[in-house]
Amino acid sequence: MIEHVVEGVQWIQGKDSFLPDSHVYVIGKSGSSDFTLVDCGLMDMGSYKLEQLESAGISPNQVKRIIMTHTHLDHIGCLPELLRGLPDAEVWVHEDEASYLEAGDARIIFGNSMFESMVKSQYAIPQDCFRIKVQRKLVGEEMLDLGGIAFKVIHLPGHSAGGIGLFSLEHKLLISGDTIYADGAIGRYDLFSANPSELKRSLELVAGLGIDILLPCHNRIVKGGAEPMINKTVVDWSGFLGN
């Protein structure tokens, strides 16, 4: 079910199967006719996500863009399916990962060769499935008006090179991708393009935002009082991530 978080931000919960499925966040105030999806999810999950949009009264031509927090498979797997169902949607990705998508280079998507082999044994993935045109290449620090809500793009490398978060100062709300989760967890830092030292700096940046609402792309969301939990997570992991 699609769930209200704050005015203009809704949550479509990931539907885990063989692999974890990313949550999708839907941004845009009612009546704006300008909606944004943040992340997509696994292969074969596109119809589920489209059904949830329909249940919320959002028509396909009202979705104007899909912003990827990063391009790992569990976030981008059903992007081709969603693009077929959302005719007006552009793809926005940080420039450090956009270049891989446009070249059809799937190393960031799969993370490592062992995982790629496992996935391809379970799913039929066409050649060049993830060669995708990116309409806007983000760099970080952009201020975006997304359907009547202001979000700042924050570059959060470490889990992947082009990881980003979307921060609403009005609501003290962060869509954090896989950089930080609820309950003391953080994103992996052993995959292609990951870097533990960069992840440490990204976590410290997150801790300085004064976040109240934390919306990660897996597991539970935190609708209030997130700051102490975030601070504890950053302190707890600091010694494991280098300088």
Protein backbone atom coordinates (compact mmCIF):
# COMPACT_ATOMS: atom_id res chain seq x y z
CA MET A 1 0.00 0.00 0.00
CA ILE A 2 1.08 3.56 -0.68
CA GLU A 3 1.41 5.45 2.60
CA HIS A 4 1.41 9.16 3.49
CA VAL A 5 4.55 10.49 5.21
CA VAL A 6 4.13 14.30 5.13
CA GLU A 7 2.22 16.56 2.77
CA GLY A 8 3.54 15.80 -0.70
CA VAL A 9 5.65 12.78 0.24
CA GLN A 10 4.31 9.23 -0.03
CA TRP A 11 5.95 5.84 0.44
CA ILE A 12 5.54 2.67 -1.63
CA GLN A 13 7.06 -0.10 0.43
CA GLY A 14 9.48 -2.45 -1.27
CA LYS A 15 8.14 -5.92 -1.89
CA ASP A 16 11.06 -8.25 -1.21
CA SER A 17 11.26 -11.49 -3.15
CA PHE A 18 14.40 -13.42 -4.12
CA LEU A 19 16.27 -10.19 -3.33
CA PRO A 20 15.41 -7.07 -1.30
CA ASP A 21 13.28 -4.61 -3.26
CA SER A 22 13.86 -0.88 -2.85
CA HIS A 23 11.13 1.34 -1.48
CA VAL A 24 9.89 4.05 -3.83
CA TYR A 25 9.12 7.56 -2.61
CA VAL A 26 6.56 9.67 -4.45
CA ILE A 27 7.04 13.44 -4.21
CA GLY A 28 4.52 16.06 -5.25
CA LYS A 29 1.64 17.91 -3.64
CA SER A 30 -1.88 16.89 -4.52
CA GLY A 31 -3.12 18.78 -7.54
CA SER A 32 0.35 19.68 -8.78
CA SER A 33 0.31 17.31 -11.77
CA ASP A 34 4.08 17.16 -11.25
CA PHE A 35 5.20 14.03 -9.44
CA THR A 36 8.64 12.56 -8.88
CA LEU A 37 9.59 8.97 -8.09
CA VAL A 38 12.71 8.36 -6.06
CA ASP A 39 14.18 4.96 -6.98
CA CYS A 40 12.36 2.08 -8.67
CA GLY A 41 13.07 -1.42 -7.35
CA LEU A 42 13.83 -4.89 -8.58
CA MET A 43 13.05 -6.50 -11.89
CA ASP A 44 9.39 -7.57 -12.18
CA MET A 45 8.30 -5.01 -9.57
CA GLY A 46 7.35 -2.30 -12.04
CA SER A 47 3.70 -3.33 -12.34
CA TYR A 48 3.34 -3.34 -8.54
CA LYS A 49 4.78 0.17 -8.29
CA LEU A 50 2.55 1.41 -11.15
CA GLU A 51 -0.52 -0.12 -9.48
CA GLN A 52 0.30 1.74 -6.27
CA LEU A 53 0.53 5.03 -8.16
CA GLU A 54 -2.84 4.34 -9.74
CA SER A 55 -4.36 3.58 -6.34
CA ALA A 56 -3.19 7.02 -5.17
CA GLY A 57 -4.89 8.70 -8.13
CA ILE A 58 -1.63 9.55 -9.90
CA SER A 59 -1.85 9.08 -13.65
CA PRO A 60 1.20 7.98 -15.67
CA ASN A 61 1.57 11.32 -17.48
CA GLN A 62 1.77 13.19 -14.15
CA VAL A 63 5.10 11.51 -13.27
CA LYS A 64 7.72 13.85 -14.69
CA ARG A 65 10.97 12.32 -13.44
CA ILE A 66 12.60 9.37 -11.71
CA ILE A 67 15.51 10.32 -9.47
CA MET A 68 17.88 7.51 -8.57
CA THR A 69 19.61 7.68 -5.18
CA HIS A 70 22.08 5.28 -6.81
CA THR A 71 22.04 2.58 -9.46
CA HIS A 72 22.41 -0.76 -7.68
CA LEU A 73 20.21 -3.52 -9.07
CA ASP A 74 17.65 -3.52 -6.25
CA HIS A 75 16.97 0.16 -7.00
CA ILE A 76 17.16 0.26 -10.81
CA GLY A 77 16.04 -3.23 -11.83
CA CYS A 78 12.54 -2.24 -12.96
CA LEU A 79 13.48 1.19 -14.33
CA PRO A 80 13.08 0.02 -17.96
CA GLU A 81 9.59 -1.29 -17.12
CA LEU A 82 8.61 1.94 -15.37
CA LEU A 83 9.84 4.05 -18.27
CA ARG A 84 7.56 2.10 -20.61
CA GLY A 85 4.62 2.86 -18.32
CA LEU A 86 5.48 6.50 -17.58
CA PRO A 87 5.78 8.20 -20.98
CA ASP A 88 6.81 11.66 -19.70
CA ALA A 89 9.32 10.59 -17.05
CA GLU A 90 12.92 11.73 -17.31
CA VAL A 91 15.79 9.92 -15.57
CA TRP A 92 17.92 11.96 -13.17
CA VAL A 93 21.11 10.40 -11.78
CA HIS A 94 24.30 11.75 -10.22
CA GLU A 95 26.92 12.35 -12.90
CA ASP A 96 29.32 9.79 -11.37
CA GLU A 97 26.88 6.97 -12.17
CA ALA A 98 25.10 8.47 -15.17
CA SER A 99 28.17 7.86 -17.32
CA TYR A 100 28.02 4.13 -16.54
CA LEU A 101 24.33 3.92 -17.46
CA GLU A 102 24.71 5.71 -20.75
CA ALA A 103 27.65 3.48 -21.71
CA GLY A 104 25.77 0.31 -20.77
CA ASP A 105 28.45 -0.47 -18.17
CA ALA A 106 26.69 -2.53 -15.46
CA ARG A 107 29.55 -2.83 -12.97
CA ILE A 108 27.93 -0.49 -10.44
CA ILE A 109 24.51 -2.08 -10.99
CA PHE A 110 25.71 -5.56 -10.01
CA GLY A 111 28.45 -4.56 -7.59
CA ASN A 112 30.59 -7.64 -8.17
CA SER A 113 30.88 -10.53 -10.63
CA MET A 114 29.66 -13.18 -8.18
CA PHE A 115 26.40 -11.32 -7.57
CA GLU A 116 25.98 -10.70 -11.29
CA SER A 117 26.30 -14.43 -12.00
CA MET A 118 23.79 -15.29 -9.27
CA VAL A 119 21.25 -12.76 -10.52
CA LYS A 120 21.56 -13.83 -14.14
CA SER A 121 20.94 -17.43 -13.10
CA GLN A 122 17.57 -16.35 -11.67
CA TYR A 123 16.42 -13.59 -14.04
CA ALA A 124 16.43 -13.27 -17.82
CA ILE A 125 18.17 -9.90 -18.26
CA PRO A 126 18.46 -8.80 -21.91
CA GLN A 127 21.72 -7.51 -23.29
CA ASP A 128 21.99 -3.74 -22.79
CA CYS A 129 18.93 -3.77 -20.52
CA PHE A 130 20.57 -1.07 -18.42
CA ARG A 131 21.89 1.16 -21.19
CA ILE A 132 19.73 4.11 -20.23
CA LYS A 133 19.62 7.73 -21.35
CA VAL A 134 19.97 10.18 -18.47
CA GLN A 135 18.20 13.48 -19.03
CA ARG A 136 19.71 15.31 -16.06
CA LYS A 137 23.06 14.62 -14.46
CA LEU A 138 23.12 15.77 -10.84
CA VAL A 139 26.24 16.94 -9.05
CA GLY A 140 25.00 17.77 -5.53
CA GLU A 141 23.90 21.05 -3.96
CA GLU A 142 21.08 21.57 -6.49
CA MET A 143 17.86 23.01 -5.07
CA LEU A 144 14.90 21.28 -6.69
CA ASP A 145 11.23 22.25 -6.69
CA LEU A 146 9.52 18.87 -6.86
CA GLY A 147 5.79 19.31 -7.17
CA GLY A 148 5.73 22.22 -4.74
CA ILE A 149 8.27 20.90 -2.23
CA ALA A 150 11.87 22.11 -2.03
CA PHE A 151 14.58 19.46 -1.83
CA LYS A 152 18.34 19.84 -1.78
CA VAL A 153 20.45 17.22 -3.55
CA ILE A 154 23.26 15.97 -1.31
CA HIS A 155 26.08 13.89 -2.79
CA LEU A 156 26.65 10.93 -0.45
CA PRO A 157 29.37 8.72 -1.94
CA GLY A 158 30.67 5.67 -0.13
CA HIS A 159 28.06 2.99 -0.71
CA SER A 160 28.44 3.84 -4.40
CA ALA A 161 30.23 6.63 -6.22
CA GLY A 162 27.16 8.60 -7.22
CA GLY A 163 24.96 8.05 -4.19
CA ILE A 164 22.73 10.97 -3.29
CA GLY A 165 20.22 11.96 -0.64
CA LEU A 166 17.29 14.35 -0.97
CA PHE A 167 16.88 16.71 1.97
CA SER A 168 13.82 18.81 2.83
CA LEU A 169 14.73 21.56 5.27
CA GLU A 170 11.03 22.36 5.80
CA HIS A 171 10.32 18.89 7.18
CA LYS A 172 13.87 18.04 8.32
CA LEU A 173 13.40 14.98 6.13
CA LEU A 174 16.08 12.95 4.35
CA ILE A 175 15.55 10.34 1.67
CA SER A 176 18.83 8.56 2.32
CA GLY A 177 19.05 5.80 -0.28
CA ASP A 178 21.31 3.10 1.16
CA THR A 179 23.72 5.43 2.97
CA ILE A 180 22.02 4.99 6.36
CA TYR A 181 19.04 2.98 7.55
CA ALA A 182 17.03 2.87 10.74
CA ASP A 183 18.21 0.85 13.73
CA GLY A 184 21.97 1.25 13.40
CA ALA A 185 22.57 -0.08 9.88
CA ILE A 186 24.49 1.50 7.00
CA GLY A 187 25.08 0.60 3.36
CA ARG A 188 27.70 -1.89 2.25
CA TYR A 189 31.10 -0.52 1.34
CA ASP A 190 32.70 -3.54 -0.34
CA LEU A 191 31.11 -3.25 -3.81
CA PHE A 192 32.38 -1.76 -7.06
CA SER A 193 32.78 2.04 -6.69
CA ALA A 194 32.22 1.90 -2.90
CA ASN A 195 34.69 3.53 -0.52
CA PRO A 196 34.58 3.25 3.28
CA SER A 197 36.38 6.54 3.94
CA GLU A 198 33.93 8.39 1.70
CA LEU A 199 31.03 6.63 3.41
CA LYS A 200 32.33 7.84 6.78
CA ARG A 201 32.37 11.43 5.53
CA SER A 202 28.88 11.03 4.07
CA LEU A 203 27.55 9.70 7.37
CA GLU A 204 29.10 12.63 9.22
CA LEU A 205 27.45 15.01 6.76
CA VAL A 206 24.08 13.33 7.36
CA ALA A 207 24.55 13.59 11.12
CA GLY A 208 24.98 17.35 10.78
CA LEU A 209 21.63 17.94 9.07
CA GLY A 210 19.42 17.75 12.15
CA ILE A 211 17.14 15.13 10.58
CA ASP A 212 13.77 14.38 12.15
CA ILE A 213 12.28 12.11 9.45
CA LEU A 214 14.50 9.42 7.93
CA LEU A 215 13.34 7.68 4.76
CA PRO A 216 15.82 4.97 3.76
CA CYS A 217 15.21 2.75 0.77
CA HIS A 218 15.00 -0.51 2.73
CA ASN A 219 13.51 -1.68 6.01
CA ARG A 220 11.47 0.61 8.24
CA ILE A 221 11.09 4.36 7.95
CA VAL A 222 11.30 6.83 10.84
CA LYS A 223 8.54 9.46 10.88
CA GLY A 224 9.93 11.50 13.76
CA GLY A 225 12.78 11.77 16.25
CA ALA A 226 15.44 10.27 13.95
CA GLU A 227 18.35 12.51 14.95
CA PRO A 228 19.58 10.65 18.09
CA MET A 229 19.44 7.31 16.27
CA ILE A 230 21.38 8.73 13.32
CA ASN A 231 24.04 10.23 15.60
CA LYS A 232 24.49 6.92 17.44
CA THR A 233 24.79 5.02 14.16
CA VAL A 234 27.50 7.37 12.89
CA VAL A 235 29.49 7.09 16.13
CA ASP A 236 29.13 3.31 16.24
CA TRP A 237 30.44 2.85 12.68
CA SER A 238 33.12 5.52 12.73
CA GLY A 239 35.92 3.23 13.85
CA PHE A 240 35.22 0.68 11.11
CA LEU A 241 35.39 3.09 8.16
CA GLY A 242 38.93 4.48 8.27
CA ASN A 243 39.96 8.11 8.26
